[in-house]
Amino acid sequence: MRQFAKRGFTLVELMVVIAIIGLLASVLATSVVSKMKQASHDLDKKVLLDLYNAMQMKVETDEKARVVMFRGPVAEKKGREFWEACFKHKVLKADMLPKMICKSGHDIEMDRRSLDNPEMFILDPMGCSWTGPKGMEVGYLMSARGKARRIVICANERNWFNHEDEILSVWSDGETAEYIGIEQLSGWGYEISEEQWINPGAELFGKTKPFDGVFD
């Protein structure tokens, strides 16, 4: 009786199998990364809109909060200091503290227990991913329409390019947070140069429409 030797994989066959596995892994990784980026986009939109809605509700429904913001200790604050003052003077509650960071960036969420003593609270710069308006101008910014429309909150300079060439923003006449790019803004009639776009802290915030109402 003849015996047949067991045949193993040749080197060429083994390399083909490895190549196929590598290709499948690459396709899977690309799909996963794409879905993770989209999830990050969507999560940041929700985070920023939640923050904006909380501030808007306070301004529209709480007379004490309006006084504190428009004529009180928050009135002259802007940018990060505006948000810090909102927490200090209870315009915003502690459950809004996690909303202060862009989840797709490298900022660090502050512990809510840091607000156990609001008067001593300091909002760490790394715990704030957003620009902020000036307190006394919040009412105007939120009601600006038509040609007067402005951005009320957007990613600050440190988080400006978290989503490549688009930045996350909430407009005065917008009902949701949205991503915008320089070409889109140009199409809407805003004259913003590439130099301004890559250096927003010095060239856009507090100076150039529609970013003239926000500060880092």
N, C-alpha and C. Protein backbone atom coordinates (compact mmCIF):
# COMPACT_ATOMS: atom_id res chain seq x y z
N MET A 1 0.85 -1.19 0.00
CA MET A 1 0.00 0.00 0.00
C MET A 1 0.88 1.24 0.00
N ARG A 2 0.51 2.16 -0.94
CA ARG A 2 1.32 3.37 -1.01
C ARG A 2 0.91 4.36 0.07
N GLN A 3 1.87 5.02 0.59
CA GLN A 3 1.59 6.07 1.58
C GLN A 3 1.89 7.43 0.95
N PHE A 4 0.98 8.38 1.16
CA PHE A 4 1.14 9.73 0.61
C PHE A 4 1.65 10.66 1.71
N ALA A 5 2.70 11.35 1.41
CA ALA A 5 3.25 12.32 2.39
C ALA A 5 2.30 13.51 2.52
N LYS A 6 2.14 13.97 3.72
CA LYS A 6 1.30 15.15 3.94
C LYS A 6 1.96 16.38 3.35
N ARG A 7 1.16 17.12 2.61
CA ARG A 7 1.69 18.32 1.96
C ARG A 7 1.40 19.56 2.79
N GLY A 8 2.42 20.33 3.12
CA GLY A 8 2.23 21.56 3.87
C GLY A 8 2.12 22.76 2.95
N PHE A 9 1.99 23.95 3.57
CA PHE A 9 1.93 25.19 2.80
C PHE A 9 3.29 25.48 2.20
N THR A 10 3.28 25.93 0.97
CA THR A 10 4.53 26.44 0.39
C THR A 10 4.71 27.87 0.88
N LEU A 11 5.89 28.38 0.71
CA LEU A 11 6.17 29.75 1.13
C LEU A 11 5.28 30.75 0.40
N VAL A 12 5.07 30.51 -0.89
CA VAL A 12 4.22 31.42 -1.68
C VAL A 12 2.79 31.42 -1.16
N GLU A 13 2.28 30.24 -0.87
CA GLU A 13 0.90 30.13 -0.36
C GLU A 13 0.77 30.82 1.00
N LEU A 14 1.77 30.64 1.85
CA LEU A 14 1.75 31.28 3.16
C LEU A 14 1.75 32.80 3.04
N MET A 15 2.55 33.31 2.10
CA MET A 15 2.61 34.75 1.89
C MET A 15 1.28 35.29 1.36
N VAL A 16 0.61 34.50 0.52
CA VAL A 16 -0.70 34.91 0.00
C VAL A 16 -1.73 35.00 1.13
N VAL A 17 -1.71 33.99 2.01
CA VAL A 17 -2.63 33.99 3.15
C VAL A 17 -2.39 35.20 4.05
N ILE A 18 -1.11 35.47 4.33
CA ILE A 18 -0.76 36.62 5.18
C ILE A 18 -1.21 37.92 4.52
N ALA A 19 -1.02 38.02 3.20
CA ALA A 19 -1.43 39.23 2.49
C ALA A 19 -2.94 39.43 2.56
N ILE A 20 -3.70 38.33 2.42
CA ILE A 20 -5.17 38.41 2.49
C ILE A 20 -5.61 38.86 3.88
N ILE A 21 -4.98 38.26 4.90
CA ILE A 21 -5.32 38.64 6.29
C ILE A 21 -4.99 40.12 6.52
N GLY A 22 -3.84 40.56 6.01
CA GLY A 22 -3.46 41.97 6.16
C GLY A 22 -4.43 42.89 5.47
N LEU A 23 -4.89 42.51 4.28
CA LEU A 23 -5.85 43.32 3.55
C LEU A 23 -7.17 43.42 4.29
N LEU A 24 -7.65 42.29 4.80
CA LEU A 24 -8.90 42.29 5.56
C LEU A 24 -8.78 43.15 6.81
N ALA A 25 -7.64 43.04 7.49
CA ALA A 25 -7.41 43.85 8.70
C ALA A 25 -7.40 45.34 8.36
N SER A 26 -6.79 45.69 7.22
CA SER A 26 -6.73 47.08 6.80
C SER A 26 -8.12 47.64 6.51
N VAL A 27 -8.93 46.85 5.81
CA VAL A 27 -10.30 47.27 5.49
C VAL A 27 -11.10 47.45 6.77
N LEU A 28 -10.96 46.51 7.69
CA LEU A 28 -11.68 46.59 8.96
C LEU A 28 -11.24 47.80 9.77
N ALA A 29 -9.93 48.03 9.83
CA ALA A 29 -9.40 49.17 10.59
C ALA A 29 -9.90 50.49 10.01
N THR A 30 -9.91 50.60 8.68
CA THR A 30 -10.39 51.82 8.03
C THR A 30 -11.85 52.09 8.37
N SER A 31 -12.65 51.02 8.35
CA SER A 31 -14.07 51.14 8.68
C SER A 31 -14.27 51.57 10.12
N VAL A 32 -13.50 50.95 11.03
CA VAL A 32 -13.62 51.28 12.46
C VAL A 32 -13.21 52.71 12.73
N VAL A 33 -12.08 53.14 12.14
CA VAL A 33 -11.59 54.51 12.33
C VAL A 33 -12.60 55.51 11.82
N SER A 34 -13.19 55.22 10.65
CA SER A 34 -14.19 56.11 10.06
C SER A 34 -15.40 56.25 10.97
N LYS A 35 -15.85 55.13 11.52
CA LYS A 35 -17.02 55.17 12.41
C LYS A 35 -16.68 55.87 13.72
N MET A 36 -15.45 55.70 14.20
CA MET A 36 -15.04 56.37 15.43
C MET A 36 -14.98 57.88 15.23
N LYS A 37 -14.49 58.31 14.07
CA LYS A 37 -14.44 59.74 13.77
C LYS A 37 -15.84 60.34 13.71
N GLN A 38 -16.76 59.61 13.06
CA GLN A 38 -18.12 60.10 12.96
C GLN A 38 -18.78 60.18 14.33
N ALA A 39 -18.52 59.17 15.16
CA ALA A 39 -19.07 59.17 16.51
C ALA A 39 -18.52 60.34 17.31
N SER A 40 -17.23 60.64 17.13
CA SER A 40 -16.61 61.77 17.80
C SER A 40 -17.22 63.08 17.34
N HIS A 41 -17.45 63.21 16.03
CA HIS A 41 -18.11 64.39 15.47
C HIS A 41 -19.47 64.59 16.13
N ASP A 42 -20.26 63.53 16.15
CA ASP A 42 -21.63 63.62 16.66
C ASP A 42 -21.65 63.91 18.17
N LEU A 43 -20.74 63.29 18.91
CA LEU A 43 -20.70 63.50 20.35
C LEU A 43 -20.34 64.94 20.68
N ASP A 44 -19.36 65.50 19.99
CA ASP A 44 -18.97 66.88 20.25
C ASP A 44 -20.09 67.85 19.93
N LYS A 45 -20.84 67.58 18.87
CA LYS A 45 -21.99 68.43 18.53
C LYS A 45 -23.02 68.42 19.66
N LYS A 46 -23.28 67.25 20.21
CA LYS A 46 -24.25 67.15 21.31
C LYS A 46 -23.74 67.86 22.55
N VAL A 47 -22.45 67.68 22.86
CA VAL A 47 -21.86 68.31 24.04
C VAL A 47 -21.98 69.83 23.96
N LEU A 48 -21.61 70.40 22.82
CA LEU A 48 -21.65 71.86 22.68
C LEU A 48 -23.08 72.37 22.69
N LEU A 49 -23.99 71.67 22.04
CA LEU A 49 -25.39 72.12 22.02
C LEU A 49 -26.00 72.05 23.41
N ASP A 50 -25.68 71.02 24.18
CA ASP A 50 -26.17 70.93 25.56
C ASP A 50 -25.70 72.13 26.38
N LEU A 51 -24.44 72.50 26.21
CA LEU A 51 -23.90 73.64 26.94
C LEU A 51 -24.60 74.93 26.54
N TYR A 52 -24.77 75.12 25.25
CA TYR A 52 -25.44 76.33 24.74
C TYR A 52 -26.89 76.39 25.23
N ASN A 53 -27.59 75.27 25.17
CA ASN A 53 -29.00 75.25 25.59
C ASN A 53 -29.14 75.55 27.08
N ALA A 54 -28.21 75.05 27.88
CA ALA A 54 -28.26 75.32 29.32
C ALA A 54 -28.09 76.81 29.59
N MET A 55 -27.15 77.45 28.89
CA MET A 55 -26.94 78.88 29.06
C MET A 55 -28.14 79.66 28.54
N GLN A 56 -28.67 79.27 27.39
CA GLN A 56 -29.81 79.97 26.80
C GLN A 56 -31.03 79.89 27.71
N MET A 57 -31.28 78.73 28.27
CA MET A 57 -32.43 78.56 29.15
C MET A 57 -32.33 79.45 30.38
N LYS A 58 -31.12 79.53 30.95
CA LYS A 58 -30.92 80.39 32.12
C LYS A 58 -31.19 81.85 31.78
N VAL A 59 -30.67 82.29 30.65
CA VAL A 59 -30.84 83.68 30.24
C VAL A 59 -32.31 84.01 30.01
N GLU A 60 -33.04 83.07 29.43
CA GLU A 60 -34.43 83.34 29.05
C GLU A 60 -35.42 83.14 30.18
N THR A 61 -35.10 82.33 31.18
CA THR A 61 -36.10 81.98 32.19
C THR A 61 -35.76 82.41 33.61
N ASP A 62 -34.53 82.80 33.85
CA ASP A 62 -34.11 83.08 35.23
C ASP A 62 -33.68 84.55 35.35
N GLU A 63 -34.51 85.35 35.98
CA GLU A 63 -34.23 86.78 36.11
C GLU A 63 -32.96 87.04 36.91
N LYS A 64 -32.75 86.26 37.97
CA LYS A 64 -31.55 86.43 38.78
C LYS A 64 -30.30 86.16 37.96
N ALA A 65 -30.36 85.11 37.14
CA ALA A 65 -29.21 84.77 36.30
C ALA A 65 -28.95 85.88 35.28
N ARG A 66 -30.00 86.49 34.74
CA ARG A 66 -29.83 87.58 33.78
C ARG A 66 -29.13 88.78 34.43
N VAL A 67 -29.52 89.08 35.65
CA VAL A 67 -28.89 90.20 36.35
C VAL A 67 -27.42 89.91 36.60
N VAL A 68 -27.13 88.70 37.07
CA VAL A 68 -25.74 88.30 37.33
C VAL A 68 -24.90 88.38 36.06
N MET A 69 -25.50 87.97 34.94
CA MET A 69 -24.75 87.91 33.70
C MET A 69 -24.62 89.27 33.02
N PHE A 70 -25.70 90.00 32.95
CA PHE A 70 -25.69 91.25 32.17
C PHE A 70 -25.18 92.47 32.94
N ARG A 71 -25.42 92.48 34.26
CA ARG A 71 -25.02 93.66 35.03
C ARG A 71 -24.22 93.33 36.28
N GLY A 72 -24.06 92.05 36.55
CA GLY A 72 -23.38 91.63 37.77
C GLY A 72 -21.96 91.15 37.54
N PRO A 73 -21.50 90.20 38.34
CA PRO A 73 -20.09 89.77 38.32
C PRO A 73 -19.67 89.03 37.06
N VAL A 74 -20.62 88.61 36.22
CA VAL A 74 -20.25 87.90 34.99
C VAL A 74 -20.16 88.88 33.81
N ALA A 75 -20.71 90.07 33.96
CA ALA A 75 -20.87 91.00 32.84
C ALA A 75 -19.58 91.31 32.09
N GLU A 76 -18.48 91.51 32.80
CA GLU A 76 -17.22 91.90 32.16
C GLU A 76 -16.31 90.72 31.83
N LYS A 77 -16.75 89.53 32.17
CA LYS A 77 -15.93 88.35 31.91
C LYS A 77 -16.13 87.87 30.47
N LYS A 78 -15.08 87.31 29.91
CA LYS A 78 -15.17 86.78 28.55
C LYS A 78 -14.25 85.58 28.39
N GLY A 79 -14.52 84.77 27.37
CA GLY A 79 -13.70 83.60 27.13
C GLY A 79 -13.78 82.58 28.27
N ARG A 80 -12.64 82.00 28.62
CA ARG A 80 -12.61 81.01 29.70
C ARG A 80 -13.10 81.61 31.01
N GLU A 81 -12.78 82.88 31.26
CA GLU A 81 -13.19 83.52 32.51
C GLU A 81 -14.70 83.69 32.58
N PHE A 82 -15.35 83.81 31.43
CA PHE A 82 -16.81 83.88 31.39
C PHE A 82 -17.40 82.58 31.92
N TRP A 83 -16.89 81.46 31.41
CA TRP A 83 -17.41 80.17 31.86
C TRP A 83 -17.12 79.95 33.34
N GLU A 84 -15.93 80.31 33.76
CA GLU A 84 -15.56 80.18 35.16
C GLU A 84 -16.53 80.95 36.05
N ALA A 85 -16.84 82.19 35.66
CA ALA A 85 -17.76 83.02 36.43
C ALA A 85 -19.17 82.45 36.43
N CYS A 86 -19.59 81.84 35.31
CA CYS A 86 -20.92 81.23 35.25
C CYS A 86 -21.05 80.11 36.27
N PHE A 87 -20.00 79.32 36.44
CA PHE A 87 -20.03 78.25 37.44
C PHE A 87 -19.93 78.82 38.86
N LYS A 88 -19.08 79.81 39.03
CA LYS A 88 -18.90 80.41 40.35
C LYS A 88 -20.20 80.99 40.89
N HIS A 89 -20.96 81.63 40.00
CA HIS A 89 -22.18 82.33 40.41
C HIS A 89 -23.44 81.55 40.07
N LYS A 90 -23.28 80.26 39.83
CA LYS A 90 -24.37 79.30 39.69
C LYS A 90 -25.31 79.60 38.53
N VAL A 91 -24.77 80.27 37.50
CA VAL A 91 -25.53 80.40 36.27
C VAL A 91 -25.58 79.04 35.58
N LEU A 92 -24.48 78.28 35.70
CA LEU A 92 -24.42 76.92 35.21
C LEU A 92 -24.22 75.97 36.38
N LYS A 93 -24.86 74.82 36.31
CA LYS A 93 -24.75 73.83 37.37
C LYS A 93 -23.53 72.92 37.15
N ALA A 94 -23.20 72.17 38.18
CA ALA A 94 -22.03 71.30 38.13
C ALA A 94 -22.13 70.24 37.05
N ASP A 95 -23.37 69.84 36.69
CA ASP A 95 -23.51 68.80 35.67
C ASP A 95 -23.14 69.30 34.28
N MET A 96 -22.89 70.61 34.14
CA MET A 96 -22.43 71.15 32.87
C MET A 96 -20.91 71.15 32.75
N LEU A 97 -20.22 70.86 33.85
CA LEU A 97 -18.75 70.90 33.83
C LEU A 97 -18.15 69.92 32.81
N PRO A 98 -18.70 68.69 32.69
CA PRO A 98 -18.14 67.78 31.66
C PRO A 98 -18.35 68.30 30.24
N LYS A 99 -19.33 69.18 30.05
CA LYS A 99 -19.60 69.72 28.70
C LYS A 99 -18.57 70.77 28.29
N MET A 100 -17.70 71.14 29.21
CA MET A 100 -16.72 72.17 28.91
C MET A 100 -15.55 71.67 28.07
N ILE A 101 -15.47 70.36 27.86
CA ILE A 101 -14.36 69.86 27.06
C ILE A 101 -14.86 69.19 25.78
N CYS A 102 -14.08 69.37 24.73
CA CYS A 102 -14.31 68.73 23.45
C CYS A 102 -13.79 67.29 23.54
N LYS A 103 -14.65 66.31 23.37
CA LYS A 103 -14.27 64.91 23.60
C LYS A 103 -13.24 64.41 22.59
N SER A 104 -13.12 65.07 21.46
CA SER A 104 -12.17 64.62 20.44
C SER A 104 -10.78 65.22 20.63
N GLY A 105 -10.63 66.11 21.60
CA GLY A 105 -9.34 66.75 21.84
C GLY A 105 -8.57 66.10 22.97
N HIS A 106 -7.64 66.86 23.54
CA HIS A 106 -6.79 66.33 24.60
C HIS A 106 -7.02 67.05 25.93
N ASP A 107 -8.10 67.82 26.01
CA ASP A 107 -8.40 68.51 27.27
C ASP A 107 -8.88 67.50 28.31
N ILE A 108 -8.83 67.92 29.56
CA ILE A 108 -9.11 67.00 30.67
C ILE A 108 -10.33 67.49 31.46
N GLU A 109 -11.31 66.62 31.60
CA GLU A 109 -12.53 66.96 32.33
C GLU A 109 -12.22 67.19 33.81
N MET A 110 -12.72 68.30 34.34
CA MET A 110 -12.51 68.61 35.75
C MET A 110 -13.48 67.83 36.63
N ASP A 111 -13.04 67.54 37.82
CA ASP A 111 -13.86 66.83 38.80
C ASP A 111 -15.00 67.76 39.26
N ARG A 112 -16.21 67.26 39.26
CA ARG A 112 -17.36 68.08 39.67
C ARG A 112 -17.25 68.52 41.13
N ARG A 113 -16.48 67.78 41.91
CA ARG A 113 -16.31 68.15 43.32
C ARG A 113 -15.56 69.46 43.48
N SER A 114 -14.90 69.91 42.40
CA SER A 114 -14.22 71.21 42.46
C SER A 114 -15.22 72.35 42.61
N LEU A 115 -16.50 72.05 42.39
CA LEU A 115 -17.54 73.06 42.54
C LEU A 115 -18.26 72.96 43.89
N ASP A 116 -17.74 72.14 44.78
CA ASP A 116 -18.33 72.05 46.12
C ASP A 116 -18.23 73.38 46.83
N ASN A 117 -17.17 74.13 46.51
CA ASN A 117 -17.01 75.49 47.04
C ASN A 117 -16.92 76.44 45.84
N PRO A 118 -18.07 76.87 45.30
CA PRO A 118 -18.08 77.65 44.06
C PRO A 118 -17.22 78.91 44.09
N GLU A 119 -17.16 79.57 45.23
CA GLU A 119 -16.40 80.83 45.32
C GLU A 119 -14.92 80.61 45.07
N MET A 120 -14.42 79.43 45.35
CA MET A 120 -12.99 79.13 45.18
C MET A 120 -12.72 78.43 43.85
N PHE A 121 -13.74 78.23 43.06
CA PHE A 121 -13.61 77.46 41.82
C PHE A 121 -12.74 78.19 40.80
N ILE A 122 -11.83 77.45 40.17
CA ILE A 122 -11.02 77.96 39.06
C ILE A 122 -11.14 76.97 37.91
N LEU A 123 -11.58 77.44 36.78
CA LEU A 123 -11.71 76.59 35.60
C LEU A 123 -10.35 76.46 34.93
N ASP A 124 -9.77 75.29 35.06
CA ASP A 124 -8.45 75.03 34.46
C ASP A 124 -8.51 75.26 32.96
N PRO A 125 -7.51 75.97 32.39
CA PRO A 125 -7.50 76.16 30.93
C PRO A 125 -7.60 74.86 30.16
N MET A 126 -7.02 73.77 30.68
CA MET A 126 -7.11 72.47 30.02
C MET A 126 -8.47 71.81 30.24
N GLY A 127 -9.31 72.43 31.04
CA GLY A 127 -10.66 71.92 31.28
C GLY A 127 -11.70 72.71 30.53
N CYS A 128 -11.25 73.53 29.58
CA CYS A 128 -12.16 74.37 28.79
C CYS A 128 -11.75 74.31 27.32
N SER A 129 -12.61 73.76 26.47
CA SER A 129 -12.30 73.60 25.05
C SER A 129 -12.96 74.66 24.17
N TRP A 130 -13.77 75.52 24.76
CA TRP A 130 -14.60 76.42 23.96
C TRP A 130 -14.26 77.89 24.17
N THR A 131 -14.53 78.68 23.15
CA THR A 131 -14.49 80.12 23.34
C THR A 131 -15.72 80.50 24.15
N GLY A 132 -15.71 81.71 24.70
CA GLY A 132 -16.88 82.18 25.42
C GLY A 132 -17.18 83.62 25.04
N PRO A 133 -18.44 84.02 25.08
CA PRO A 133 -18.79 85.40 24.80
C PRO A 133 -18.46 86.30 25.99
N LYS A 134 -18.73 87.56 25.87
CA LYS A 134 -18.64 88.47 27.01
C LYS A 134 -20.00 88.51 27.69
N GLY A 135 -20.01 88.44 29.02
CA GLY A 135 -21.26 88.30 29.75
C GLY A 135 -22.34 89.29 29.36
N MET A 136 -22.00 90.57 29.31
CA MET A 136 -23.01 91.58 29.03
C MET A 136 -23.51 91.53 27.58
N GLU A 137 -22.81 90.79 26.71
CA GLU A 137 -23.19 90.73 25.30
C GLU A 137 -23.95 89.46 24.94
N VAL A 138 -24.14 88.56 25.91
CA VAL A 138 -24.77 87.28 25.63
C VAL A 138 -26.17 87.46 25.06
N GLY A 139 -26.96 88.34 25.66
CA GLY A 139 -28.32 88.56 25.20
C GLY A 139 -28.38 88.99 23.75
N TYR A 140 -27.50 89.94 23.38
CA TYR A 140 -27.45 90.41 21.99
C TYR A 140 -27.01 89.30 21.06
N LEU A 141 -25.95 88.57 21.44
CA LEU A 141 -25.44 87.51 20.58
C LEU A 141 -26.49 86.46 20.30
N MET A 142 -27.23 86.08 21.31
CA MET A 142 -28.22 85.03 21.14
C MET A 142 -29.39 85.45 20.26
N SER A 143 -29.63 86.75 20.18
CA SER A 143 -30.78 87.23 19.41
C SER A 143 -30.41 87.77 18.04
N ALA A 144 -29.12 87.79 17.70
CA ALA A 144 -28.68 88.35 16.42
C ALA A 144 -29.16 87.48 15.25
N ARG A 145 -29.75 88.14 14.26
CA ARG A 145 -30.29 87.44 13.10
C ARG A 145 -29.87 88.15 11.82
N GLY A 146 -30.12 87.49 10.70
CA GLY A 146 -29.82 88.10 9.41
C GLY A 146 -28.35 88.42 9.25
N LYS A 147 -28.05 89.63 8.77
CA LYS A 147 -26.66 90.04 8.56
C LYS A 147 -25.91 90.22 9.88
N ALA A 148 -26.66 90.34 10.97
CA ALA A 148 -26.03 90.54 12.28
C ALA A 148 -25.68 89.22 12.96
N ARG A 149 -26.02 88.10 12.35
CA ARG A 149 -25.78 86.80 12.98
C ARG A 149 -24.30 86.62 13.32
N ARG A 150 -24.05 86.00 14.46
CA ARG A 150 -22.69 85.80 14.93
C ARG A 150 -22.54 84.40 15.49
N ILE A 151 -21.31 84.00 15.69
CA ILE A 151 -21.03 82.76 16.40
C ILE A 151 -21.04 83.06 17.90
N VAL A 152 -21.78 82.27 18.66
CA VAL A 152 -21.89 82.47 20.11
C VAL A 152 -20.85 81.66 20.86
N ILE A 153 -20.58 80.44 20.39
CA ILE A 153 -19.56 79.58 20.99
C ILE A 153 -18.90 78.79 19.85
N CYS A 154 -17.61 78.59 19.93
CA CYS A 154 -16.93 77.69 18.98
C CYS A 154 -15.71 77.08 19.67
N ALA A 155 -15.06 76.17 18.99
CA ALA A 155 -13.83 75.58 19.54
C ALA A 155 -12.79 76.66 19.77
N ASN A 156 -12.07 76.58 20.89
CA ASN A 156 -11.02 77.57 21.12
C ASN A 156 -9.78 77.22 20.29
N GLU A 157 -8.75 78.06 20.40
CA GLU A 157 -7.58 77.89 19.53
C GLU A 157 -6.91 76.53 19.72
N ARG A 158 -6.87 76.04 20.94
CA ARG A 158 -6.20 74.77 21.21
C ARG A 158 -6.94 73.61 20.57
N ASN A 159 -8.25 73.75 20.40
CA ASN A 159 -9.07 72.68 19.84
C ASN A 159 -9.57 72.99 18.43
N TRP A 160 -8.99 74.02 17.84
CA TRP A 160 -9.46 74.53 16.54
C TRP A 160 -9.45 73.47 15.45
N PHE A 161 -8.40 72.65 15.40
CA PHE A 161 -8.27 71.67 14.32
C PHE A 161 -8.47 70.23 14.79
N ASN A 162 -9.27 70.05 15.83
CA ASN A 162 -9.57 68.69 16.29
C ASN A 162 -10.25 67.85 15.20
N HIS A 163 -10.99 68.52 14.34
CA HIS A 163 -11.71 67.83 13.27
C HIS A 163 -11.21 68.30 11.91
N GLU A 164 -9.88 68.29 11.78
CA GLU A 164 -9.19 68.62 10.54
C GLU A 164 -9.49 70.07 10.12
N ASP A 165 -10.14 70.27 8.97
CA ASP A 165 -10.32 71.63 8.44
C ASP A 165 -11.64 72.27 8.83
N GLU A 166 -12.41 71.61 9.67
CA GLU A 166 -13.69 72.17 10.11
C GLU A 166 -13.65 72.44 11.61
N ILE A 167 -14.37 73.47 12.02
CA ILE A 167 -14.44 73.77 13.45
C ILE A 167 -15.90 73.73 13.89
N LEU A 168 -16.10 73.36 15.14
CA LEU A 168 -17.45 73.22 15.67
C LEU A 168 -17.92 74.56 16.24
N SER A 169 -19.17 74.91 15.95
CA SER A 169 -19.68 76.22 16.37
C SER A 169 -21.17 76.17 16.63
N VAL A 170 -21.65 77.16 17.39
CA VAL A 170 -23.08 77.42 17.54
C VAL A 170 -23.32 78.86 17.13
N TRP A 171 -24.24 79.07 16.19
CA TRP A 171 -24.56 80.42 15.70
C TRP A 171 -25.73 81.01 16.46
N SER A 172 -25.82 82.32 16.40
CA SER A 172 -26.88 83.03 17.11
C SER A 172 -28.27 82.67 16.58
N ASP A 173 -28.37 82.28 15.31
CA ASP A 173 -29.67 81.90 14.75
C ASP A 173 -29.75 80.40 14.48
N GLY A 174 -28.82 79.65 15.06
CA GLY A 174 -28.80 78.22 14.83
C GLY A 174 -29.52 77.45 15.92
N GLU A 175 -30.09 76.34 15.55
CA GLU A 175 -30.79 75.49 16.51
C GLU A 175 -29.96 74.26 16.87
N THR A 176 -28.79 74.15 16.26
CA THR A 176 -27.92 73.02 16.55
C THR A 176 -26.48 73.47 16.41
N ALA A 177 -25.56 72.65 16.92
CA ALA A 177 -24.14 72.91 16.68
C ALA A 177 -23.79 72.39 15.30
N GLU A 178 -22.87 73.05 14.62
CA GLU A 178 -22.51 72.62 13.27
C GLU A 178 -21.03 72.85 13.00
N TYR A 179 -20.51 72.07 12.06
CA TYR A 179 -19.13 72.21 11.63
C TYR A 179 -19.07 73.15 10.43
N ILE A 180 -18.09 74.05 10.46
CA ILE A 180 -17.93 74.99 9.35
C ILE A 180 -16.45 75.05 8.95
N GLY A 181 -16.21 75.39 7.70
CA GLY A 181 -14.85 75.55 7.19
C GLY A 181 -14.70 76.90 6.54
N ILE A 182 -13.47 77.26 6.21
CA ILE A 182 -13.20 78.59 5.66
C ILE A 182 -13.89 78.80 4.30
N GLU A 183 -13.97 77.76 3.49
CA GLU A 183 -14.63 77.89 2.19
C GLU A 183 -16.13 78.14 2.36
N GLN A 184 -16.72 77.47 3.32
CA GLN A 184 -18.14 77.67 3.60
C GLN A 184 -18.40 79.09 4.06
N LEU A 185 -17.54 79.60 4.94
CA LEU A 185 -17.70 80.97 5.43
C LEU A 185 -17.54 81.98 4.29
N SER A 186 -16.60 81.72 3.40
CA SER A 186 -16.40 82.61 2.25
C SER A 186 -17.64 82.63 1.38
N GLY A 187 -18.27 81.47 1.23
CA GLY A 187 -19.50 81.39 0.45
C GLY A 187 -20.64 82.17 1.07
N TRP A 188 -20.58 82.37 2.37
CA TRP A 188 -21.60 83.16 3.07
C TRP A 188 -21.25 84.65 3.13
N GLY A 189 -20.12 85.02 2.53
CA GLY A 189 -19.76 86.42 2.46
C GLY A 189 -18.79 86.92 3.52
N TYR A 190 -18.23 86.03 4.31
CA TYR A 190 -17.26 86.44 5.33
C TYR A 190 -15.86 86.38 4.75
N GLU A 191 -15.14 87.48 4.85
CA GLU A 191 -13.80 87.55 4.27
C GLU A 191 -12.76 87.14 5.31
N ILE A 192 -12.34 85.91 5.24
CA ILE A 192 -11.37 85.36 6.18
C ILE A 192 -10.24 84.74 5.39
N SER A 193 -9.02 85.17 5.68
CA SER A 193 -7.85 84.66 4.95
C SER A 193 -7.34 83.37 5.59
N GLU A 194 -6.49 82.67 4.85
CA GLU A 194 -5.88 81.45 5.38
C GLU A 194 -5.05 81.76 6.63
N GLU A 195 -4.36 82.92 6.61
CA GLU A 195 -3.54 83.31 7.76
C GLU A 195 -4.40 83.51 9.00
N GLN A 196 -5.56 84.12 8.83
CA GLN A 196 -6.46 84.31 9.97
C GLN A 196 -7.00 82.98 10.46
N TRP A 197 -7.32 82.11 9.52
CA TRP A 197 -7.93 80.83 9.87
C TRP A 197 -6.99 79.96 10.69
N ILE A 198 -5.70 80.00 10.40
CA ILE A 198 -4.76 79.15 11.13
C ILE A 198 -4.26 79.81 12.41
N ASN A 199 -4.67 81.05 12.66
CA ASN A 199 -4.26 81.76 13.87
C ASN A 199 -5.46 82.48 14.48
N PRO A 200 -6.49 81.73 14.87
CA PRO A 200 -7.75 82.34 15.29
C PRO A 200 -7.65 83.17 16.56
N GLY A 201 -6.79 82.75 17.49
CA GLY A 201 -6.68 83.49 18.75
C GLY A 201 -6.27 84.93 18.56
N ALA A 202 -5.37 85.17 17.63
CA ALA A 202 -4.86 86.53 17.40
C ALA A 202 -5.61 87.26 16.30
N GLU A 203 -6.20 86.51 15.35
CA GLU A 203 -6.75 87.15 14.16
C GLU A 203 -8.28 87.13 14.06
N LEU A 204 -8.93 86.20 14.74
CA LEU A 204 -10.38 86.07 14.58
C LEU A 204 -11.17 86.42 15.83
N PHE A 205 -10.83 85.80 16.94
CA PHE A 205 -11.63 85.95 18.16
C PHE A 205 -11.67 87.40 18.63
N GLY A 206 -12.88 87.92 18.77
CA GLY A 206 -13.07 89.29 19.26
C GLY A 206 -12.74 90.35 18.23
N LYS A 207 -12.46 89.94 16.98
CA LYS A 207 -12.03 90.93 15.97
C LYS A 207 -12.77 90.81 14.65
N THR A 208 -12.87 89.62 14.12
CA THR A 208 -13.34 89.43 12.76
C THR A 208 -14.69 88.70 12.73
N LYS A 209 -15.64 89.26 11.99
CA LYS A 209 -16.95 88.61 11.87
C LYS A 209 -16.79 87.27 11.17
N PRO A 210 -17.52 86.26 11.59
CA PRO A 210 -18.57 86.23 12.62
C PRO A 210 -18.05 85.83 14.00
N PHE A 211 -16.73 85.91 14.21
CA PHE A 211 -16.10 85.50 15.46
C PHE A 211 -15.86 86.67 16.42
N ASP A 212 -16.38 87.84 16.09
CA ASP A 212 -16.05 89.03 16.88
C ASP A 212 -16.75 89.07 18.24
N GLY A 213 -17.64 88.12 18.50
CA GLY A 213 -18.32 88.10 19.80
C GLY A 213 -17.81 87.01 20.71
N VAL A 214 -16.77 86.27 20.29
CA VAL A 214 -16.25 85.19 21.12
C VAL A 214 -14.78 85.42 21.45
N PHE A 215 -14.35 84.84 22.56
CA PHE A 215 -12.99 85.08 23.06
C PHE A 215 -12.42 83.77 23.62
N ASP A 216 -11.09 83.64 23.55
CA ASP A 216 -10.40 82.43 24.01
C ASP A 216 -10.22 82.47 25.52
